[in-house]
Amino acid sequence: MKVLINGKVKEIPEGLNLDQLLRHFSLPSQRIAIEMNTSVVRRKDWEDVIVNDSDKIEIIHFVGGG
């Protein structure tokens, strides 16, 4: 199925939750925020939120520095 991640169309397997989506793309789960279809998804809900065809997902990485 196809989803839009950070403005790019990506092909992913069906039935992934948000936590599995991060692992699918080898993304760390630390310092990450996820917005799905214009709503921020709390980290504690990542395992319960299933990604559907045509979902629009923004994955934001927080970077420390000084």
PDB file of N, CA and C in Angstrom:
ATOM      1  N   MET A   1       0.846  -1.177   0.000  1.00  0.00           N
ATOM      2  CA  MET A   1       0.000   0.000   0.000  1.00  0.00           C
ATOM      3  C   MET A   1       0.885   1.232   0.000  1.00  0.00           C
ATOM      4  N   LYS A   2       0.332   2.360  -0.380  1.00  0.00           N
ATOM      5  CA  LYS A   2       1.107   3.588  -0.498  1.00  0.00           C
ATOM      6  C   LYS A   2       0.652   4.606   0.538  1.00  0.00           C
ATOM      7  N   VAL A   3       1.649   5.245   1.165  1.00  0.00           N
ATOM      8  CA  VAL A   3       1.392   6.319   2.121  1.00  0.00           C
ATOM      9  C   VAL A   3       2.313   7.484   1.777  1.00  0.00           C
ATOM     10  N   LEU A   4       1.970   8.641   2.270  1.00  0.00           N
ATOM     11  CA  LEU A   4       2.796   9.824   2.067  1.00  0.00           C
ATOM     12  C   LEU A   4       3.552  10.093   3.360  1.00  0.00           C
ATOM     13  N   ILE A   5       4.879   9.966   3.306  1.00  0.00           N
ATOM     14  CA  ILE A   5       5.710  10.190   4.487  1.00  0.00           C
ATOM     15  C   ILE A   5       6.637  11.355   4.204  1.00  0.00           C
ATOM     16  N   ASN A   6       6.502  12.394   5.003  1.00  0.00           N
ATOM     17  CA  ASN A   6       7.313  13.608   4.844  1.00  0.00           C
ATOM     18  C   ASN A   6       7.302  14.095   3.394  1.00  0.00           C
ATOM     19  N   GLY A   7       6.118  14.045   2.788  1.00  0.00           N
ATOM     20  CA  GLY A   7       5.940  14.578   1.448  1.00  0.00           C
ATOM     21  C   GLY A   7       6.324  13.653   0.311  1.00  0.00           C
ATOM     22  N   LYS A   8       6.752  12.406   0.623  1.00  0.00           N
ATOM     23  CA  LYS A   8       7.153  11.471  -0.424  1.00  0.00           C
ATOM     24  C   LYS A   8       6.285  10.216  -0.348  1.00  0.00           C
ATOM     25  N   VAL A   9       5.858   9.732  -1.502  1.00  0.00           N
ATOM     26  CA  VAL A   9       5.061   8.503  -1.557  1.00  0.00           C
ATOM     27  C   VAL A   9       5.981   7.316  -1.271  1.00  0.00           C
ATOM     28  N   LYS A  10       5.571   6.487  -0.309  1.00  0.00           N
ATOM     29  CA  LYS A  10       6.341   5.293   0.063  1.00  0.00           C
ATOM     30  C   LYS A  10       5.431   4.078   0.000  1.00  0.00           C
ATOM     31  N   GLU A  11       5.983   2.968  -0.436  1.00  0.00           N
ATOM     32  CA  GLU A  11       5.275   1.689  -0.473  1.00  0.00           C
ATOM     33  C   GLU A  11       5.625   0.942   0.814  1.00  0.00           C
ATOM     34  N   ILE A  12       4.591   0.505   1.552  1.00  0.00           N
ATOM     35  CA  ILE A  12       4.820  -0.229   2.799  1.00  0.00           C
ATOM     36  C   ILE A  12       3.891  -1.447   2.850  1.00  0.00           C
ATOM     37  N   PRO A  13       4.258  -2.440   3.665  1.00  0.00           N
ATOM     38  CA  PRO A  13       3.365  -3.590   3.841  1.00  0.00           C
ATOM     39  C   PRO A  13       2.094  -3.181   4.580  1.00  0.00           C
ATOM     40  N   GLU A  14       1.019  -3.896   4.354  1.00  0.00           N
ATOM     41  CA  GLU A  14      -0.233  -3.619   5.052  1.00  0.00           C
ATOM     42  C   GLU A  14      -0.145  -4.064   6.507  1.00  0.00           C
ATOM     43  N   GLY A  15      -0.933  -3.391   7.349  1.00  0.00           N
ATOM     44  CA  GLY A  15      -1.091  -3.810   8.739  1.00  0.00           C
ATOM     45  C   GLY A  15      -0.037  -3.313   9.707  1.00  0.00           C
ATOM     46  N   LEU A  16       0.847  -2.413   9.270  1.00  0.00           N
ATOM     47  CA  LEU A  16       1.864  -1.892  10.179  1.00  0.00           C
ATOM     48  C   LEU A  16       1.263  -0.869  11.130  1.00  0.00           C
ATOM     49  N   ASN A  17       1.715  -0.899  12.391  1.00  0.00           N
ATOM     50  CA  ASN A  17       1.382   0.201  13.285  1.00  0.00           C
ATOM     51  C   ASN A  17       2.523   1.216  13.189  1.00  0.00           C
ATOM     52  N   LEU A  18       2.397   2.343  13.878  1.00  0.00           N
ATOM     53  CA  LEU A  18       3.414   3.398  13.746  1.00  0.00           C
ATOM     54  C   LEU A  18       4.776   2.956  14.275  1.00  0.00           C
ATOM     55  N   ASP A  19       4.799   2.177  15.340  1.00  0.00           N
ATOM     56  CA  ASP A  19       6.064   1.676  15.872  1.00  0.00           C
ATOM     57  C   ASP A  19       6.756   0.778  14.843  1.00  0.00           C
ATOM     58  N   GLN A  20       5.999  -0.102  14.210  1.00  0.00           N
ATOM     59  CA  GLN A  20       6.546  -0.984  13.173  1.00  0.00           C
ATOM     60  C   GLN A  20       6.979  -0.202  11.942  1.00  0.00           C
ATOM     61  N   LEU A  21       6.266   0.881  11.634  1.00  0.00           N
ATOM     62  CA  LEU A  21       6.635   1.725  10.503  1.00  0.00           C
ATOM     63  C   LEU A  21       8.032   2.311  10.701  1.00  0.00           C
ATOM     64  N   LEU A  22       8.313   2.785  11.907  1.00  0.00           N
ATOM     65  CA  LEU A  22       9.651   3.316  12.196  1.00  0.00           C
ATOM     66  C   LEU A  22      10.711   2.240  12.006  1.00  0.00           C
ATOM     67  N   ARG A  23      10.444   1.048  12.511  1.00  0.00           N
ATOM     68  CA  ARG A  23      11.403  -0.058  12.353  1.00  0.00           C
ATOM     69  C   ARG A  23      11.563  -0.451  10.889  1.00  0.00           C
ATOM     70  N   HIS A  24      10.464  -0.420  10.128  1.00  0.00           N
ATOM     71  CA  HIS A  24      10.511  -0.764   8.698  1.00  0.00           C
ATOM     72  C   HIS A  24      11.501   0.133   7.953  1.00  0.00           C
ATOM     73  N   PHE A  25      11.549   1.404   8.320  1.00  0.00           N
ATOM     74  CA  PHE A  25      12.465   2.343   7.672  1.00  0.00           C
ATOM     75  C   PHE A  25      13.744   2.561   8.477  1.00  0.00           C
ATOM     76  N   SER A  26      13.992   1.706   9.479  1.00  0.00           N
ATOM     77  CA  SER A  26      15.197   1.769  10.328  1.00  0.00           C
ATOM     78  C   SER A  26      15.380   3.133  10.973  1.00  0.00           C
ATOM     79  N   LEU A  27      14.283   3.706  11.444  1.00  0.00           N
ATOM     80  CA  LEU A  27      14.336   4.994  12.120  1.00  0.00           C
ATOM     81  C   LEU A  27      14.336   4.781  13.634  1.00  0.00           C
ATOM     82  N   PRO A  28      15.147   5.540  14.351  1.00  0.00           N
ATOM     83  CA  PRO A  28      15.138   5.409  15.816  1.00  0.00           C
ATOM     84  C   PRO A  28      13.842   5.986  16.379  1.00  0.00           C
ATOM     85  N   SER A  29      13.384   5.436  17.486  1.00  0.00           N
ATOM     86  CA  SER A  29      12.140   5.946  18.084  1.00  0.00           C
ATOM     87  C   SER A  29      12.418   7.046  19.105  1.00  0.00           C
ATOM     88  N   GLN A  30      13.673   7.266  19.447  1.00  0.00           N
ATOM     89  CA  GLN A  30      14.037   8.337  20.374  1.00  0.00           C
ATOM     90  C   GLN A  30      14.012   9.679  19.650  1.00  0.00           C
ATOM     91  N   ARG A  31      13.571  10.691  20.355  1.00  0.00           N
ATOM     92  CA  ARG A  31      13.543  12.064  19.823  1.00  0.00           C
ATOM     93  C   ARG A  31      12.770  12.187  18.510  1.00  0.00           C
ATOM     94  N   ILE A  32      11.638  11.507  18.439  1.00  0.00           N
ATOM     95  CA  ILE A  32      10.806  11.512  17.235  1.00  0.00           C
ATOM     96  C   ILE A  32       9.393  11.924  17.630  1.00  0.00           C
ATOM     97  N   ALA A  33       8.764  12.696  16.789  1.00  0.00           N
ATOM     98  CA  ALA A  33       7.336  12.985  16.923  1.00  0.00           C
ATOM     99  C   ALA A  33       6.678  12.566  15.610  1.00  0.00           C
ATOM    100  N   ILE A  34       5.454  12.054  15.722  1.00  0.00           N
ATOM    101  CA  ILE A  34       4.737  11.608  14.528  1.00  0.00           C
ATOM    102  C   ILE A  34       3.394  12.322  14.439  1.00  0.00           C
ATOM    103  N   GLU A  35       3.155  12.886  13.264  1.00  0.00           N
ATOM    104  CA  GLU A  35       1.854  13.474  12.951  1.00  0.00           C
ATOM    105  C   GLU A  35       1.243  12.612  11.856  1.00  0.00           C
ATOM    106  N   MET A  36      -0.007  12.235  12.060  1.00  0.00           N
ATOM    107  CA  MET A  36      -0.692  11.388  11.084  1.00  0.00           C
ATOM    108  C   MET A  36      -2.010  12.038  10.720  1.00  0.00           C
ATOM    109  N   ASN A  37      -2.161  12.357   9.436  1.00  0.00           N
ATOM    110  CA  ASN A  37      -3.383  13.001   8.947  1.00  0.00           C
ATOM    111  C   ASN A  37      -3.718  14.259   9.757  1.00  0.00           C
ATOM    112  N   THR A  38      -2.719  15.090   9.970  1.00  0.00           N
ATOM    113  CA  THR A  38      -2.779  16.399  10.643  1.00  0.00           C
ATOM    114  C   THR A  38      -2.995  16.344  12.157  1.00  0.00           C
ATOM    115  N   SER A  39      -2.890  15.152  12.765  1.00  0.00           N
ATOM    116  CA  SER A  39      -3.005  15.049  14.224  1.00  0.00           C
ATOM    117  C   SER A  39      -1.747  14.417  14.788  1.00  0.00           C
ATOM    118  N   VAL A  40      -1.216  14.998  15.857  1.00  0.00           N
ATOM    119  CA  VAL A  40      -0.047  14.435  16.520  1.00  0.00           C
ATOM    120  C   VAL A  40      -0.476  13.168  17.255  1.00  0.00           C
ATOM    121  N   VAL A  41       0.313  12.116  17.100  1.00  0.00           N
ATOM    122  CA  VAL A  41       0.019  10.841  17.761  1.00  0.00           C
ATOM    123  C   VAL A  41       0.975  10.698  18.940  1.00  0.00           C
ATOM    124  N   ARG A  42       0.421  10.487  20.128  1.00  0.00           N
ATOM    125  CA  ARG A  42       1.258  10.319  21.316  1.00  0.00           C
ATOM    126  C   ARG A  42       2.054   9.019  21.226  1.00  0.00           C
ATOM    127  N   ARG A  43       3.273   9.066  21.726  1.00  0.00           N
ATOM    128  CA  ARG A  43       4.178   7.911  21.683  1.00  0.00           C
ATOM    129  C   ARG A  43       3.522   6.658  22.271  1.00  0.00           C
ATOM    130  N   LYS A  44       2.778   6.819  23.347  1.00  0.00           N
ATOM    131  CA  LYS A  44       2.162   5.653  23.990  1.00  0.00           C
ATOM    132  C   LYS A  44       1.096   4.998  23.102  1.00  0.00           C
ATOM    133  N   ASP A  45       0.649   5.695  22.062  1.00  0.00           N
ATOM    134  CA  ASP A  45      -0.374   5.164  21.157  1.00  0.00           C
ATOM    135  C   ASP A  45       0.199   4.572  19.869  1.00  0.00           C
ATOM    136  N   TRP A  46       1.513   4.670  19.659  1.00  0.00           N
ATOM    137  CA  TRP A  46       2.116   4.215  18.411  1.00  0.00           C
ATOM    138  C   TRP A  46       1.808   2.754  18.101  1.00  0.00           C
ATOM    139  N   GLU A  47       1.796   1.893  19.114  1.00  0.00           N
ATOM    140  CA  GLU A  47       1.536   0.470  18.873  1.00  0.00           C
ATOM    141  C   GLU A  47       0.074   0.204  18.511  1.00  0.00           C
ATOM    142  N   ASP A  48      -0.817   1.108  18.872  1.00  0.00           N
ATOM    143  CA  ASP A  48      -2.249   0.914  18.644  1.00  0.00           C
ATOM    144  C   ASP A  48      -2.753   1.559  17.352  1.00  0.00           C
ATOM    145  N   VAL A  49      -1.954   2.437  16.751  1.00  0.00           N
ATOM    146  CA  VAL A  49      -2.400   3.163  15.554  1.00  0.00           C
ATOM    147  C   VAL A  49      -1.885   2.450  14.309  1.00  0.00           C
ATOM    148  N   ILE A  50      -2.829   1.911  13.533  1.00  0.00           N
ATOM    149  CA  ILE A  50      -2.495   1.184  12.306  1.00  0.00           C
ATOM    150  C   ILE A  50      -2.463   2.159  11.128  1.00  0.00           C
ATOM    151  N   VAL A  51      -1.431   2.011  10.307  1.00  0.00           N
ATOM    152  CA  VAL A  51      -1.276   2.851   9.122  1.00  0.00           C
ATOM    153  C   VAL A  51      -2.170   2.293   8.007  1.00  0.00           C
ATOM    154  N   ASN A  52      -2.919   3.172   7.369  1.00  0.00           N
ATOM    155  CA  ASN A  52      -3.821   2.787   6.286  1.00  0.00           C
ATOM    156  C   ASN A  52      -3.358   3.383   4.963  1.00  0.00           C
ATOM    157  N   ASP A  53      -3.840   2.803   3.875  1.00  0.00           N
ATOM    158  CA  ASP A  53      -3.504   3.287   2.545  1.00  0.00           C
ATOM    159  C   ASP A  53      -3.855   4.770   2.424  1.00  0.00           C
ATOM    160  N   SER A  54      -2.971   5.537   1.832  1.00  0.00           N
ATOM    161  CA  SER A  54      -3.134   6.977   1.578  1.00  0.00           C
ATOM    162  C   SER A  54      -3.012   7.862   2.815  1.00  0.00           C
ATOM    163  N   ASP A  55      -2.592   7.310   3.956  1.00  0.00           N
ATOM    164  CA  ASP A  55      -2.363   8.156   5.130  1.00  0.00           C
ATOM    165  C   ASP A  55      -1.231   9.139   4.841  1.00  0.00           C
ATOM    166  N   LYS A  56      -1.308  10.298   5.468  1.00  0.00           N
ATOM    167  CA  LYS A  56      -0.266  11.322   5.355  1.00  0.00           C
ATOM    168  C   LYS A  56       0.436  11.404   6.705  1.00  0.00           C
ATOM    169  N   ILE A  57       1.722  11.071   6.700  1.00  0.00           N
ATOM    170  CA  ILE A  57       2.482  10.975   7.937  1.00  0.00           C
ATOM    171  C   ILE A  57       3.685  11.909   7.873  1.00  0.00           C
ATOM    172  N   GLU A  58       3.885  12.641   8.940  1.00  0.00           N
ATOM    173  CA  GLU A  58       5.091  13.461   9.088  1.00  0.00           C
ATOM    174  C   GLU A  58       5.875  12.897  10.266  1.00  0.00           C
ATOM    175  N   ILE A  59       7.131  12.589  10.041  1.00  0.00           N
ATOM    176  CA  ILE A  59       8.016  12.095  11.092  1.00  0.00           C
ATOM    177  C   ILE A  59       9.055  13.175  11.339  1.00  0.00           C
ATOM    178  N   ILE A  60       9.064  13.700  12.559  1.00  0.00           N
ATOM    179  CA  ILE A  60       9.930  14.819  12.888  1.00  0.00           C
ATOM    180  C   ILE A  60      11.000  14.362  13.857  1.00  0.00           C
ATOM    181  N   HIS A  61      12.255  14.606  13.504  1.00  0.00           N
ATOM    182  CA  HIS A  61      13.394  14.258  14.335  1.00  0.00           C
ATOM    183  C   HIS A  61      13.832  15.490  15.111  1.00  0.00           C
ATOM    184  N   PHE A  62      13.958  15.358  16.421  1.00  0.00           N
ATOM    185  CA  PHE A  62      14.462  16.462  17.223  1.00  0.00           C
ATOM    186  C   PHE A  62      15.962  16.298  17.371  1.00  0.00           C
ATOM    187  N   VAL A  63      16.681  17.388  17.160  1.00  0.00           N
ATOM    188  CA  VAL A  63      18.132  17.357  17.210  1.00  0.00           C
ATOM    189  C   VAL A  63      18.600  18.314  18.296  1.00  0.00           C
ATOM    190  N   GLY A  64      19.467  17.823  19.168  1.00  0.00           N
ATOM    191  CA  GLY A  64      20.030  18.676  20.211  1.00  0.00           C
ATOM    192  C   GLY A  64      21.252  19.393  19.690  1.00  0.00           C
ATOM    193  N   GLY A  65      21.611  20.403  20.361  1.00  0.00           N
ATOM    194  CA  GLY A  65      22.804  21.143  19.947  1.00  0.00           C
ATOM    195  C   GLY A  65      22.960  22.399  20.768  1.00  0.00           C
ATOM    196  N   GLY A  66      23.976  23.108  20.452  1.00  0.00           N
ATOM    197  CA  GLY A  66      24.186  24.318  21.221  1.00  0.00           C
ATOM    198  C   GLY A  66      25.085  25.286  20.526  1.00  0.00           C
TER     199      GLY A  66
END
